[in-house]
């Protein structure tokens, strides 16, 4: 699901949130 958000808005803010989510779920 995170990849979808990253592909939806490759602006940077979405990527940051996705990375943070992944980091928290690491």
C-alpha atoms as a PDB file:
ATOM      1  CA  UNK A   1       0.000   0.000   0.000  1.00  0.00           C
ATOM      2  CA  UNK A   2       2.896   2.309   0.763  1.00  0.00           C
ATOM      3  CA  UNK A   3       4.260   1.884  -2.748  1.00  0.00           C
ATOM      4  CA  UNK A   4       0.904   3.043  -4.133  1.00  0.00           C
ATOM      5  CA  UNK A   5       1.112   6.283  -2.176  1.00  0.00           C
ATOM      6  CA  UNK A   6       4.668   6.833  -3.353  1.00  0.00           C
ATOM      7  CA  UNK A   7       3.583   6.304  -6.957  1.00  0.00           C
ATOM      8  CA  UNK A   8       0.500   8.447  -6.480  1.00  0.00           C
ATOM      9  CA  UNK A   9       2.386  11.529  -5.410  1.00  0.00           C
ATOM     10  CA  UNK A  10       6.127  11.367  -6.186  1.00  0.00           C
ATOM     11  CA  UNK A  11       6.464  14.931  -4.935  1.00  0.00           C
ATOM     12  CA  UNK A  12       8.488  14.169  -1.808  1.00  0.00           C
ATOM     13  CA  UNK A  13       6.042  14.605   1.051  1.00  0.00           C
ATOM     14  CA  UNK A  14       4.333  11.306   0.303  1.00  0.00           C
ATOM     15  CA  UNK A  15       7.705   9.612  -0.089  1.00  0.00           C
ATOM     16  CA  UNK A  16       8.764  10.936   3.310  1.00  0.00           C
ATOM     17  CA  UNK A  17       5.621   9.572   4.948  1.00  0.00           C
ATOM     18  CA  UNK A  18       6.094   6.233   3.180  1.00  0.00           C
ATOM     19  CA  UNK A  19       9.735   6.051   4.284  1.00  0.00           C
ATOM     20  CA  UNK A  20       8.762   6.939   7.854  1.00  0.00           C
ATOM     21  CA  UNK A  21       6.086   4.251   7.848  1.00  0.00           C
ATOM     22  CA  UNK A  22       8.587   1.711   6.556  1.00  0.00           C
ATOM     23  CA  UNK A  23      11.163   2.789   9.121  1.00  0.00           C
ATOM     24  CA  UNK A  24       8.650   2.412  11.926  1.00  0.00           C
ATOM     25  CA  UNK A  25       7.642  -1.000  10.586  1.00  0.00           C
ATOM     26  CA  UNK A  26      11.221  -2.157  10.233  1.00  0.00           C
END
